Amino acid sequence: MINNVVLVGRLVRDPELRYTPQNTAVATFTLAVNRRFKNAQGEREADFINCVIWRQSAENLANWAKKGALIGVTGSIQVRNYENKEGQRVYVTEVLADNFQMLESRAVREGGSGSYSAPQPQQPQNSTFAGTNTASTATPDFGRDADPFGGSPMEISDDDLPF
């Protein structure tokens, strides 16, 4: 049987951290996960998915992730039931999270610019390879518009291709 869940969404509120009588940490949280399609009014709707995470991961989530944080969660679907005060059986479906990952920096979350503009690398002074920067103080440019191949077109003949 396969029961795997992978979610990416934003925390609806701060995770609620509690401890069992055996002093085991458990955190509950709700993720708002966008649907893949838009409704008739052209708006994107979201599903609000209840999740639970245990032990050290629960404490880490409660310490690091706050309302609005974009996180990724892996786990499985769990269905449990209990009897409420009126004697009715209540079924709860939730994601039992195994792991989580913060997917954006705190600066982005807290309204900072969030964009990193790397300084332009210095020109090589004593490089034996064209286009190779050996200066130890140079910082690579990780911008999306940067050309990873150094800007000059590569000449490839059909004889060089393996197919």
C-alpha atoms as a PDB file:
ATOM      1  CA  MET A   1       0.000   0.000   0.000  1.00  0.00           C
ATOM      2  CA  ILE A   2       1.121   3.550  -0.661  1.00  0.00           C
ATOM      3  CA  ASN A   3       0.140   6.490   1.510  1.00  0.00           C
ATOM      4  CA  ASN A   4       2.400   9.434   0.676  1.00  0.00           C
ATOM      5  CA  VAL A   5       1.563  13.119   0.852  1.00  0.00           C
ATOM      6  CA  VAL A   6       3.639  16.057  -0.350  1.00  0.00           C
ATOM      7  CA  LEU A   7       2.240  19.546   0.316  1.00  0.00           C
ATOM      8  CA  VAL A   8       3.500  23.063  -0.254  1.00  0.00           C
ATOM      9  CA  GLY A   9       1.513  25.826   1.367  1.00  0.00           C
ATOM     10  CA  ARG A  10       1.385  28.656   3.861  1.00  0.00           C
ATOM     11  CA  LEU A  11       0.699  28.344   7.565  1.00  0.00           C
ATOM     12  CA  VAL A  12      -2.732  29.719   8.421  1.00  0.00           C
ATOM     13  CA  ARG A  13      -1.651  30.478  12.004  1.00  0.00           C
ATOM     14  CA  ASP A  14       1.293  29.744  14.266  1.00  0.00           C
ATOM     15  CA  PRO A  15       1.691  26.012  14.982  1.00  0.00           C
ATOM     16  CA  GLU A  16       0.202  24.904  18.304  1.00  0.00           C
ATOM     17  CA  LEU A  17       2.816  23.009  20.309  1.00  0.00           C
ATOM     18  CA  ARG A  18       1.694  20.733  23.151  1.00  0.00           C
ATOM     19  CA  TYR A  19       3.182  17.868  25.119  1.00  0.00           C
ATOM     20  CA  THR A  20       1.669  14.486  25.943  1.00  0.00           C
ATOM     21  CA  PRO A  21       1.709  13.194  29.542  1.00  0.00           C
ATOM     22  CA  GLN A  22       4.838  11.227  28.521  1.00  0.00           C
ATOM     23  CA  ASN A  23       6.446  14.584  27.574  1.00  0.00           C
ATOM     24  CA  THR A  24       6.358  13.911  23.797  1.00  0.00           C
ATOM     25  CA  ALA A  25       6.067  17.062  21.690  1.00  0.00           C
ATOM     26  CA  VAL A  26       3.198  17.300  19.201  1.00  0.00           C
ATOM     27  CA  ALA A  27       2.337  20.292  17.027  1.00  0.00           C
ATOM     28  CA  THR A  28      -0.847  20.850  15.050  1.00  0.00           C
ATOM     29  CA  PHE A  29      -1.051  23.299  12.188  1.00  0.00           C
ATOM     30  CA  THR A  30      -3.124  24.132   9.133  1.00  0.00           C
ATOM     31  CA  LEU A  31      -1.685  24.661   5.653  1.00  0.00           C
ATOM     32  CA  ALA A  32      -3.402  26.733   2.992  1.00  0.00           C
ATOM     33  CA  VAL A  33      -2.610  24.998  -0.297  1.00  0.00           C
ATOM     34  CA  ASN A  34      -3.635  26.615  -3.585  1.00  0.00           C
ATOM     35  CA  ARG A  35      -5.698  24.586  -6.015  1.00  0.00           C
ATOM     36  CA  ARG A  36      -4.377  24.100  -9.539  1.00  0.00           C
ATOM     37  CA  PHE A  37      -7.330  25.808 -11.216  1.00  0.00           C
ATOM     38  CA  LYS A  38      -9.281  29.042 -10.855  1.00  0.00           C
ATOM     39  CA  ASN A  39     -12.980  29.304 -10.083  1.00  0.00           C
ATOM     40  CA  ALA A  40     -15.642  30.833 -12.364  1.00  0.00           C
ATOM     41  CA  GLN A  41     -14.697  34.336 -11.158  1.00  0.00           C
ATOM     42  CA  GLY A  42     -11.049  33.780 -12.118  1.00  0.00           C
ATOM     43  CA  GLU A  43      -9.872  33.567  -8.515  1.00  0.00           C
ATOM     44  CA  ARG A  44      -7.598  30.874  -7.169  1.00  0.00           C
ATOM     45  CA  GLU A  45      -9.092  28.936  -4.280  1.00  0.00           C
ATOM     46  CA  ALA A  46      -7.214  27.136  -1.527  1.00  0.00           C
ATOM     47  CA  ASP A  47      -7.722  24.039   0.560  1.00  0.00           C
ATOM     48  CA  PHE A  48      -7.034  24.276   4.286  1.00  0.00           C
ATOM     49  CA  ILE A  49      -5.374  21.029   5.339  1.00  0.00           C
ATOM     50  CA  ASN A  50      -4.983  20.057   8.990  1.00  0.00           C
ATOM     51  CA  CYS A  51      -1.621  18.518   9.859  1.00  0.00           C
ATOM     52  CA  VAL A  52       0.079  17.050  12.912  1.00  0.00           C
ATOM     53  CA  ILE A  53       3.801  16.535  13.513  1.00  0.00           C
ATOM     54  CA  TRP A  54       5.545  14.832  16.427  1.00  0.00           C
ATOM     55  CA  ARG A  55       8.702  14.920  18.568  1.00  0.00           C
ATOM     56  CA  GLN A  56      11.738  17.065  17.652  1.00  0.00           C
ATOM     57  CA  SER A  57      10.216  18.037  14.308  1.00  0.00           C
ATOM     58  CA  ALA A  58       7.206  19.463  16.183  1.00  0.00           C
ATOM     59  CA  GLU A  59       9.444  21.589  18.395  1.00  0.00           C
ATOM     60  CA  ASN A  60      11.470  22.788  15.394  1.00  0.00           C
ATOM     61  CA  LEU A  61       8.317  23.719  13.481  1.00  0.00           C
ATOM     62  CA  ALA A  62       6.913  25.642  16.446  1.00  0.00           C
ATOM     63  CA  ASN A  63      10.210  27.498  16.943  1.00  0.00           C
ATOM     64  CA  TRP A  64      10.902  28.400  13.309  1.00  0.00           C
ATOM     65  CA  ALA A  65       7.665  28.520  11.321  1.00  0.00           C
ATOM     66  CA  LYS A  66       5.145  31.280  11.985  1.00  0.00           C
ATOM     67  CA  LYS A  67       1.855  32.337  10.443  1.00  0.00           C
ATOM     68  CA  GLY A  68       2.239  32.956   6.698  1.00  0.00           C
ATOM     69  CA  ALA A  69       5.444  30.924   6.329  1.00  0.00           C
ATOM     70  CA  LEU A  70       5.769  28.943   3.103  1.00  0.00           C
ATOM     71  CA  ILE A  71       6.655  25.365   3.996  1.00  0.00           C
ATOM     72  CA  GLY A  72       6.857  21.984   2.343  1.00  0.00           C
ATOM     73  CA  VAL A  73       5.575  18.935   4.197  1.00  0.00           C
ATOM     74  CA  THR A  74       5.974  15.208   3.541  1.00  0.00           C
ATOM     75  CA  GLY A  75       3.956  12.601   5.350  1.00  0.00           C
ATOM     76  CA  SER A  76       0.852  10.443   5.083  1.00  0.00           C
ATOM     77  CA  ILE A  77      -2.909  10.762   5.454  1.00  0.00           C
ATOM     78  CA  GLN A  78      -4.341   9.598   8.740  1.00  0.00           C
ATOM     79  CA  VAL A  79      -7.994   9.090   9.665  1.00  0.00           C
ATOM     80  CA  ARG A  80      -8.931   8.866  13.323  1.00  0.00           C
ATOM     81  CA  ASN A  81     -12.223   8.999  15.173  1.00  0.00           C
ATOM     82  CA  TYR A  82     -13.547   9.736  18.628  1.00  0.00           C
ATOM     83  CA  GLU A  83     -16.854  10.120  20.413  1.00  0.00           C
ATOM     84  CA  ASN A  84     -17.831  13.702  21.237  1.00  0.00           C
ATOM     85  CA  LYS A  85     -19.745  14.921  24.320  1.00  0.00           C
ATOM     86  CA  GLU A  86     -23.081  14.275  22.617  1.00  0.00           C
ATOM     87  CA  GLY A  87     -22.123  10.641  22.016  1.00  0.00           C
ATOM     88  CA  GLN A  88     -21.665  11.066  18.248  1.00  0.00           C
ATOM     89  CA  ARG A  89     -18.753   9.478  16.379  1.00  0.00           C
ATOM     90  CA  VAL A  90     -16.525  12.192  14.843  1.00  0.00           C
ATOM     91  CA  TYR A  91     -14.049  11.346  12.062  1.00  0.00           C
ATOM     92  CA  VAL A  92     -10.952  13.470  11.537  1.00  0.00           C
ATOM     93  CA  THR A  93      -8.769  13.297   8.426  1.00  0.00           C
ATOM     94  CA  GLU A  94      -5.374  14.956   8.696  1.00  0.00           C
ATOM     95  CA  VAL A  95      -1.838  14.740   7.374  1.00  0.00           C
ATOM     96  CA  LEU A  96       0.615  13.033   9.683  1.00  0.00           C
ATOM     97  CA  ALA A  97       3.752  14.994   8.776  1.00  0.00           C
ATOM     98  CA  ASP A  98       7.097  13.231   8.887  1.00  0.00           C
ATOM     99  CA  ASN A  99       9.243  16.170   7.774  1.00  0.00           C
ATOM    100  CA  PHE A 100       8.911  19.823   6.899  1.00  0.00           C
ATOM    101  CA  GLN A 101      11.104  22.292   5.042  1.00  0.00           C
ATOM    102  CA  MET A 102      11.075  26.089   5.196  1.00  0.00           C
ATOM    103  CA  LEU A 103      10.819  27.279   1.584  1.00  0.00           C
ATOM    104  CA  GLU A 104      11.576  30.982   1.904  1.00  0.00           C
ATOM    105  CA  SER A 105      13.851  33.144   3.971  1.00  0.00           C
ATOM    106  CA  ARG A 106      12.715  35.056   7.016  1.00  0.00           C
ATOM    107  CA  ALA A 107      13.461  38.343   5.187  1.00  0.00           C
ATOM    108  CA  VAL A 108      10.990  37.451   2.427  1.00  0.00           C
ATOM    109  CA  ARG A 109       8.372  36.359   4.961  1.00  0.00           C
ATOM    110  CA  GLU A 110       8.692  39.523   7.038  1.00  0.00           C
ATOM    111  CA  GLY A 111       8.322  41.871   4.090  1.00  0.00           C
ATOM    112  CA  GLY A 112      11.960  42.433   3.215  1.00  0.00           C
ATOM    113  CA  SER A 113      12.977  42.770  -0.386  1.00  0.00           C
ATOM    114  CA  GLY A 114      13.790  39.085  -0.436  1.00  0.00           C
ATOM    115  CA  SER A 115      15.847  39.433  -3.563  1.00  0.00           C
ATOM    116  CA  TYR A 116      19.536  38.776  -3.418  1.00  0.00           C
ATOM    117  CA  SER A 117      21.620  40.759  -5.828  1.00  0.00           C
ATOM    118  CA  ALA A 118      25.047  39.240  -5.949  1.00  0.00           C
ATOM    119  CA  PRO A 119      27.973  41.505  -6.715  1.00  0.00           C
ATOM    120  CA  GLN A 120      29.372  41.069 -10.179  1.00  0.00           C
ATOM    121  CA  PRO A 121      32.447  38.843 -10.280  1.00  0.00           C
ATOM    122  CA  GLN A 122      35.794  40.481 -10.824  1.00  0.00           C
ATOM    123  CA  GLN A 123      37.643  39.906 -14.064  1.00  0.00           C
ATOM    124  CA  PRO A 124      40.322  37.204 -13.830  1.00  0.00           C
ATOM    125  CA  GLN A 125      43.829  38.493 -13.658  1.00  0.00           C
ATOM    126  CA  ASN A 126      46.020  35.421 -14.030  1.00  0.00           C
ATOM    127  CA  SER A 127      43.719  32.735 -15.312  1.00  0.00           C
ATOM    128  CA  THR A 128      44.930  29.971 -17.585  1.00  0.00           C
ATOM    129  CA  PHE A 129      41.427  29.151 -18.813  1.00  0.00           C
ATOM    130  CA  ALA A 130      39.336  31.646 -20.753  1.00  0.00           C
ATOM    131  CA  GLY A 131      36.249  32.622 -18.791  1.00  0.00           C
ATOM    132  CA  THR A 132      37.411  31.015 -15.534  1.00  0.00           C
ATOM    133  CA  ASN A 133      37.603  33.286 -12.529  1.00  0.00           C
ATOM    134  CA  THR A 134      40.279  32.308 -10.009  1.00  0.00           C
ATOM    135  CA  ALA A 135      39.963  35.359  -7.786  1.00  0.00           C
ATOM    136  CA  SER A 136      39.098  34.118  -4.291  1.00  0.00           C
ATOM    137  CA  THR A 137      37.043  37.240  -3.494  1.00  0.00           C
ATOM    138  CA  ALA A 138      34.703  36.848  -6.470  1.00  0.00           C
ATOM    139  CA  THR A 139      31.073  35.931  -5.788  1.00  0.00           C
ATOM    140  CA  PRO A 140      29.180  33.994  -8.444  1.00  0.00           C
ATOM    141  CA  ASP A 141      26.132  35.614  -9.991  1.00  0.00           C
ATOM    142  CA  PHE A 142      23.150  33.383  -9.313  1.00  0.00           C
ATOM    143  CA  GLY A 143      20.659  35.666 -11.060  1.00  0.00           C
ATOM    144  CA  ARG A 144      18.139  34.078 -13.415  1.00  0.00           C
ATOM    145  CA  ASP A 145      19.260  36.255 -16.310  1.00  0.00           C
ATOM    146  CA  ALA A 146      22.923  35.368 -15.994  1.00  0.00           C
ATOM    147  CA  ASP A 147      24.338  33.281 -18.846  1.00  0.00           C
ATOM    148  CA  PRO A 148      25.835  30.143 -17.276  1.00  0.00           C
ATOM    149  CA  PHE A 149      28.090  29.562 -20.300  1.00  0.00           C
ATOM    150  CA  GLY A 150      29.964  32.851 -20.259  1.00  0.00           C
ATOM    151  CA  GLY A 151      28.072  34.653 -23.034  1.00  0.00           C
ATOM    152  CA  SER A 152      29.856  33.338 -26.101  1.00  0.00           C
ATOM    153  CA  PRO A 153      28.076  30.817 -28.337  1.00  0.00           C
ATOM    154  CA  MET A 154      29.508  27.326 -28.461  1.00  0.00           C
ATOM    155  CA  GLU A 155      30.426  25.884 -31.829  1.00  0.00           C
ATOM    156  CA  ILE A 156      29.317  22.266 -32.154  1.00  0.00           C
ATOM    157  CA  SER A 157      29.336  20.302 -35.357  1.00  0.00           C
ATOM    158  CA  ASP A 158      27.017  17.367 -36.081  1.00  0.00           C
ATOM    159  CA  ASP A 159      30.052  15.085 -35.860  1.00  0.00           C
ATOM    160  CA  ASP A 160      30.451  15.968 -32.162  1.00  0.00           C
ATOM    161  CA  LEU A 161      26.941  14.783 -31.230  1.00  0.00           C
ATOM    162  CA  PRO A 162      26.617  11.250 -29.842  1.00  0.00           C
ATOM    163  CA  PHE A 163      23.370  10.503 -31.718  1.00  0.00           C
END
